[in-house]
């Protein structure tokens, strides 16, 4: 039997809460609520909260720090996703720019997915049952290949979630579905 709170989480509000002003223009201040809605109610976006995704994200942040890169350190993968979406909207404020950005996300997703499928097949990984993707990657003999695999795992998770949300926002902003 499904609990009432689980049923509410599954059903959730029918659509993300994108607010509009008196003239019908989109209120950009409601975008964080839209992001949260997708994280709470969309399984493809909610994966950003999965412990294995969080582990890969933390691994990536540690790698970045160890290489001396000057980047902002996020508390969790979910925060990184949200800030990335807000930045993407700020930097891609026209239809053409946002369309191009979503296309870049989808290309990165496709490349990462294919690379990870090849690596998983080559090393006979069972990623569905793996307790830890980082530990699973240790089976790869080359440190560079381990790193590439884990980076692609992060790219897959991030780009899936970001493209999903930005695709929905694209439709809301421009009145048409995103099409590559």
C-alpha atoms as a PDB file:
ATOM      1  CA  UNK A   1       0.000   0.000   0.000  1.00  0.00           C
ATOM      2  CA  UNK A   2       1.290   3.476  -0.889  1.00  0.00           C
ATOM      3  CA  UNK A   3       1.311   6.057   1.902  1.00  0.00           C
ATOM      4  CA  UNK A   4      -0.625   9.275   1.412  1.00  0.00           C
ATOM      5  CA  UNK A   5       2.589  11.332   1.478  1.00  0.00           C
ATOM      6  CA  UNK A   6       4.146   9.089  -1.181  1.00  0.00           C
ATOM      7  CA  UNK A   7       0.968   9.394  -3.269  1.00  0.00           C
ATOM      8  CA  UNK A   8       1.104  13.198  -2.924  1.00  0.00           C
ATOM      9  CA  UNK A   9       4.779  13.186  -3.943  1.00  0.00           C
ATOM     10  CA  UNK A  10       3.997  11.016  -6.952  1.00  0.00           C
ATOM     11  CA  UNK A  11       1.018  13.059  -8.061  1.00  0.00           C
ATOM     12  CA  UNK A  12       2.267  16.465  -6.967  1.00  0.00           C
ATOM     13  CA  UNK A  13       1.030  19.631  -8.532  1.00  0.00           C
ATOM     14  CA  UNK A  14      -0.001  19.149 -12.154  1.00  0.00           C
ATOM     15  CA  UNK A  15       2.517  21.626 -13.542  1.00  0.00           C
ATOM     16  CA  UNK A  16       5.566  23.490 -12.331  1.00  0.00           C
ATOM     17  CA  UNK A  17       4.674  26.764 -10.578  1.00  0.00           C
ATOM     18  CA  UNK A  18       5.881  29.312 -13.141  1.00  0.00           C
ATOM     19  CA  UNK A  19       4.380  32.639 -12.084  1.00  0.00           C
ATOM     20  CA  UNK A  20       3.318  35.416 -14.405  1.00  0.00           C
ATOM     21  CA  UNK A  21       2.828  39.099 -13.754  1.00  0.00           C
ATOM     22  CA  UNK A  22      -0.341  41.130 -14.376  1.00  0.00           C
ATOM     23  CA  UNK A  23       0.454  41.471 -18.085  1.00  0.00           C
ATOM     24  CA  UNK A  24       1.080  37.726 -18.467  1.00  0.00           C
ATOM     25  CA  UNK A  25       4.866  38.000 -18.692  1.00  0.00           C
ATOM     26  CA  UNK A  26       6.845  35.261 -16.974  1.00  0.00           C
ATOM     27  CA  UNK A  27       8.134  36.155 -13.523  1.00  0.00           C
ATOM     28  CA  UNK A  28      11.748  34.964 -13.563  1.00  0.00           C
ATOM     29  CA  UNK A  29      11.782  35.007  -9.770  1.00  0.00           C
ATOM     30  CA  UNK A  30       9.606  31.875  -9.903  1.00  0.00           C
ATOM     31  CA  UNK A  31      12.243  29.841 -11.791  1.00  0.00           C
ATOM     32  CA  UNK A  32      13.757  28.444  -8.548  1.00  0.00           C
ATOM     33  CA  UNK A  33      10.290  27.103  -7.662  1.00  0.00           C
ATOM     34  CA  UNK A  34      10.125  25.444 -11.092  1.00  0.00           C
ATOM     35  CA  UNK A  35      13.529  23.837 -10.538  1.00  0.00           C
ATOM     36  CA  UNK A  36      12.421  22.572  -7.132  1.00  0.00           C
ATOM     37  CA  UNK A  37       9.192  21.207  -8.631  1.00  0.00           C
ATOM     38  CA  UNK A  38      11.155  19.182 -11.182  1.00  0.00           C
ATOM     39  CA  UNK A  39      13.527  17.873  -8.494  1.00  0.00           C
ATOM     40  CA  UNK A  40      10.558  16.857  -6.337  1.00  0.00           C
ATOM     41  CA  UNK A  41       8.254  15.402  -9.016  1.00  0.00           C
ATOM     42  CA  UNK A  42      10.211  14.421 -12.135  1.00  0.00           C
ATOM     43  CA  UNK A  43      12.164  11.161 -11.829  1.00  0.00           C
ATOM     44  CA  UNK A  44      14.654  12.087 -14.561  1.00  0.00           C
ATOM     45  CA  UNK A  45      15.551  15.281 -12.701  1.00  0.00           C
ATOM     46  CA  UNK A  46      15.259  13.822  -9.189  1.00  0.00           C
ATOM     47  CA  UNK A  47      18.198  11.533  -9.985  1.00  0.00           C
ATOM     48  CA  UNK A  48      20.358  14.544  -9.048  1.00  0.00           C
ATOM     49  CA  UNK A  49      19.530  13.649  -5.407  1.00  0.00           C
ATOM     50  CA  UNK A  50      20.540   9.999  -5.716  1.00  0.00           C
ATOM     51  CA  UNK A  51      23.411   9.081  -3.370  1.00  0.00           C
ATOM     52  CA  UNK A  52      25.498   7.666  -6.248  1.00  0.00           C
ATOM     53  CA  UNK A  53      25.087  10.872  -8.244  1.00  0.00           C
ATOM     54  CA  UNK A  54      25.961  12.920  -5.163  1.00  0.00           C
ATOM     55  CA  UNK A  55      29.047  10.757  -4.630  1.00  0.00           C
ATOM     56  CA  UNK A  56      30.230  11.374  -8.208  1.00  0.00           C
ATOM     57  CA  UNK A  57      29.520  15.094  -7.841  1.00  0.00           C
ATOM     58  CA  UNK A  58      31.567  15.284  -4.627  1.00  0.00           C
ATOM     59  CA  UNK A  59      34.357  13.315  -6.328  1.00  0.00           C
ATOM     60  CA  UNK A  60      34.334  15.857  -9.166  1.00  0.00           C
ATOM     61  CA  UNK A  61      34.477  18.804  -6.769  1.00  0.00           C
ATOM     62  CA  UNK A  62      37.395  17.210  -4.945  1.00  0.00           C
ATOM     63  CA  UNK A  63      39.174  16.641  -8.259  1.00  0.00           C
ATOM     64  CA  UNK A  64      38.631  20.274  -9.205  1.00  0.00           C
ATOM     65  CA  UNK A  65      39.998  21.471  -5.859  1.00  0.00           C
ATOM     66  CA  UNK A  66      43.024  19.156  -6.063  1.00  0.00           C
ATOM     67  CA  UNK A  67      43.862  20.573  -9.494  1.00  0.00           C
ATOM     68  CA  UNK A  68      43.883  24.086  -8.051  1.00  0.00           C
ATOM     69  CA  UNK A  69      40.980  25.363 -10.141  1.00  0.00           C
ATOM     70  CA  UNK A  70      39.324  28.451  -8.702  1.00  0.00           C
ATOM     71  CA  UNK A  71      35.663  27.453  -8.724  1.00  0.00           C
ATOM     72  CA  UNK A  72      32.745  27.846  -6.371  1.00  0.00           C
ATOM     73  CA  UNK A  73      32.286  24.850  -4.079  1.00  0.00           C
ATOM     74  CA  UNK A  74      28.672  23.704  -3.850  1.00  0.00           C
ATOM     75  CA  UNK A  75      27.156  21.853  -0.901  1.00  0.00           C
ATOM     76  CA  UNK A  76      25.460  19.300  -3.120  1.00  0.00           C
ATOM     77  CA  UNK A  77      24.701  18.317  -6.706  1.00  0.00           C
ATOM     78  CA  UNK A  78      21.189  19.739  -6.414  1.00  0.00           C
ATOM     79  CA  UNK A  79      22.602  23.209  -5.664  1.00  0.00           C
ATOM     80  CA  UNK A  80      24.967  22.949  -8.635  1.00  0.00           C
ATOM     81  CA  UNK A  81      22.054  22.063 -10.927  1.00  0.00           C
ATOM     82  CA  UNK A  82      19.942  24.992  -9.734  1.00  0.00           C
ATOM     83  CA  UNK A  83      22.717  27.566 -10.102  1.00  0.00           C
ATOM     84  CA  UNK A  84      23.632  26.170 -13.509  1.00  0.00           C
ATOM     85  CA  UNK A  85      20.073  26.604 -14.744  1.00  0.00           C
ATOM     86  CA  UNK A  86      19.849  30.173 -13.433  1.00  0.00           C
ATOM     87  CA  UNK A  87      23.202  30.997 -15.068  1.00  0.00           C
ATOM     88  CA  UNK A  88      22.140  29.358 -18.332  1.00  0.00           C
ATOM     89  CA  UNK A  89      19.003  31.497 -18.435  1.00  0.00           C
ATOM     90  CA  UNK A  90      20.977  34.661 -17.652  1.00  0.00           C
ATOM     91  CA  UNK A  91      23.600  33.948 -20.321  1.00  0.00           C
ATOM     92  CA  UNK A  92      21.132  32.686 -22.950  1.00  0.00           C
ATOM     93  CA  UNK A  93      18.372  35.265 -22.807  1.00  0.00           C
ATOM     94  CA  UNK A  94      17.096  34.983 -26.377  1.00  0.00           C
ATOM     95  CA  UNK A  95      15.214  32.164 -28.058  1.00  0.00           C
ATOM     96  CA  UNK A  96      18.154  31.375 -30.351  1.00  0.00           C
ATOM     97  CA  UNK A  97      20.691  31.404 -27.521  1.00  0.00           C
ATOM     98  CA  UNK A  98      18.603  29.171 -25.250  1.00  0.00           C
ATOM     99  CA  UNK A  99      17.884  26.830 -28.163  1.00  0.00           C
ATOM    100  CA  UNK A 100      21.605  26.557 -28.904  1.00  0.00           C
ATOM    101  CA  UNK A 101      22.446  25.970 -25.227  1.00  0.00           C
ATOM    102  CA  UNK A 102      19.925  23.146 -24.896  1.00  0.00           C
ATOM    103  CA  UNK A 103      21.386  21.647 -28.068  1.00  0.00           C
ATOM    104  CA  UNK A 104      24.858  21.757 -26.505  1.00  0.00           C
ATOM    105  CA  UNK A 105      23.535  20.026 -23.385  1.00  0.00           C
ATOM    106  CA  UNK A 106      21.952  17.290 -25.482  1.00  0.00           C
ATOM    107  CA  UNK A 107      25.152  16.802 -27.478  1.00  0.00           C
ATOM    108  CA  UNK A 108      27.212  16.552 -24.273  1.00  0.00           C
ATOM    109  CA  UNK A 109      24.668  14.109 -22.869  1.00  0.00           C
ATOM    110  CA  UNK A 110      24.826  11.953 -25.992  1.00  0.00           C
ATOM    111  CA  UNK A 111      28.628  11.909 -26.003  1.00  0.00           C
ATOM    112  CA  UNK A 112      28.855  11.082 -22.282  1.00  0.00           C
ATOM    113  CA  UNK A 113      26.206   8.365 -22.522  1.00  0.00           C
ATOM    114  CA  UNK A 114      27.907   6.634 -25.442  1.00  0.00           C
ATOM    115  CA  UNK A 115      31.316   6.814 -23.760  1.00  0.00           C
ATOM    116  CA  UNK A 116      29.947   5.390 -20.519  1.00  0.00           C
ATOM    117  CA  UNK A 117      28.080   2.610 -22.291  1.00  0.00           C
ATOM    118  CA  UNK A 118      31.303   1.607 -24.039  1.00  0.00           C
ATOM    119  CA  UNK A 119      33.277   1.715 -20.784  1.00  0.00           C
ATOM    120  CA  UNK A 120      30.628  -0.251 -18.887  1.00  0.00           C
ATOM    121  CA  UNK A 121      30.620  -2.892 -21.605  1.00  0.00           C
ATOM    122  CA  UNK A 122      34.420  -3.029 -21.829  1.00  0.00           C
ATOM    123  CA  UNK A 123      34.786  -3.571 -18.057  1.00  0.00           C
ATOM    124  CA  UNK A 124      31.582  -5.565 -17.613  1.00  0.00           C
ATOM    125  CA  UNK A 125      30.104  -3.079 -15.123  1.00  0.00           C
ATOM    126  CA  UNK A 126      26.681  -3.572 -13.601  1.00  0.00           C
ATOM    127  CA  UNK A 127      25.990   0.060 -12.724  1.00  0.00           C
ATOM    128  CA  UNK A 128      22.376  -0.567 -11.791  1.00  0.00           C
ATOM    129  CA  UNK A 129      23.363  -2.705  -8.802  1.00  0.00           C
ATOM    130  CA  UNK A 130      26.623  -0.945  -7.915  1.00  0.00           C
ATOM    131  CA  UNK A 131      26.654   0.562  -4.430  1.00  0.00           C
ATOM    132  CA  UNK A 132      29.238   3.115  -5.512  1.00  0.00           C
ATOM    133  CA  UNK A 133      30.071   4.358  -8.994  1.00  0.00           C
ATOM    134  CA  UNK A 134      33.383   5.710  -7.697  1.00  0.00           C
ATOM    135  CA  UNK A 135      34.341   2.285  -6.324  1.00  0.00           C
ATOM    136  CA  UNK A 136      33.165   0.611  -9.527  1.00  0.00           C
ATOM    137  CA  UNK A 137      35.385   2.973 -11.538  1.00  0.00           C
ATOM    138  CA  UNK A 138      38.403   1.719  -9.584  1.00  0.00           C
ATOM    139  CA  UNK A 139      38.163  -1.466 -11.672  1.00  0.00           C
ATOM    140  CA  UNK A 140      39.417   0.565 -14.624  1.00  0.00           C
ATOM    141  CA  UNK A 141      43.204   0.133 -14.723  1.00  0.00           C
ATOM    142  CA  UNK A 142      43.987   3.568 -16.180  1.00  0.00           C
ATOM    143  CA  UNK A 143      43.606   6.578 -13.880  1.00  0.00           C
ATOM    144  CA  UNK A 144      42.846   8.793 -16.881  1.00  0.00           C
ATOM    145  CA  UNK A 145      40.117   6.440 -18.045  1.00  0.00           C
ATOM    146  CA  UNK A 146      38.672   6.273 -14.508  1.00  0.00           C
ATOM    147  CA  UNK A 147      38.554  10.044 -14.443  1.00  0.00           C
ATOM    148  CA  UNK A 148      36.934  10.256 -17.886  1.00  0.00           C
ATOM    149  CA  UNK A 149      34.330   7.673 -16.894  1.00  0.00           C
ATOM    150  CA  UNK A 150      33.403   9.494 -13.674  1.00  0.00           C
ATOM    151  CA  UNK A 151      33.293  12.883 -15.395  1.00  0.00           C
ATOM    152  CA  UNK A 152      30.965  11.402 -18.006  1.00  0.00           C
ATOM    153  CA  UNK A 153      28.777   9.963 -15.229  1.00  0.00           C
ATOM    154  CA  UNK A 154      28.432  13.466 -13.798  1.00  0.00           C
ATOM    155  CA  UNK A 155      27.799  15.002 -17.230  1.00  0.00           C
ATOM    156  CA  UNK A 156      25.059  12.445 -17.916  1.00  0.00           C
ATOM    157  CA  UNK A 157      23.236  13.240 -14.683  1.00  0.00           C
ATOM    158  CA  UNK A 158      23.652  17.002 -14.889  1.00  0.00           C
ATOM    159  CA  UNK A 159      22.805  17.376 -18.581  1.00  0.00           C
ATOM    160  CA  UNK A 160      19.743  15.129 -18.320  1.00  0.00           C
ATOM    161  CA  UNK A 161      18.298  17.220 -15.506  1.00  0.00           C
ATOM    162  CA  UNK A 162      19.311  20.603 -16.916  1.00  0.00           C
ATOM    163  CA  UNK A 163      18.061  19.877 -20.449  1.00  0.00           C
ATOM    164  CA  UNK A 164      14.753  18.593 -19.097  1.00  0.00           C
ATOM    165  CA  UNK A 165      14.083  21.732 -17.064  1.00  0.00           C
ATOM    166  CA  UNK A 166      15.380  24.179 -19.661  1.00  0.00           C
ATOM    167  CA  UNK A 167      13.372  22.410 -22.360  1.00  0.00           C
ATOM    168  CA  UNK A 168      10.205  22.942 -20.340  1.00  0.00           C
ATOM    169  CA  UNK A 169      11.123  26.576 -19.681  1.00  0.00           C
ATOM    170  CA  UNK A 170      11.867  27.075 -23.382  1.00  0.00           C
ATOM    171  CA  UNK A 171       8.324  25.960 -24.177  1.00  0.00           C
ATOM    172  CA  UNK A 172       6.890  28.291 -21.552  1.00  0.00           C
ATOM    173  CA  UNK A 173       9.010  31.270 -22.661  1.00  0.00           C
ATOM    174  CA  UNK A 174       8.535  30.907 -26.410  1.00  0.00           C
ATOM    175  CA  UNK A 175       5.238  29.049 -26.761  1.00  0.00           C
ATOM    176  CA  UNK A 176       6.733  26.106 -28.646  1.00  0.00           C
ATOM    177  CA  UNK A 177       8.376  22.831 -27.739  1.00  0.00           C
ATOM    178  CA  UNK A 178      12.131  22.637 -28.003  1.00  0.00           C
ATOM    179  CA  UNK A 179      13.108  20.724 -31.144  1.00  0.00           C
ATOM    180  CA  UNK A 180      16.740  20.099 -32.103  1.00  0.00           C
END
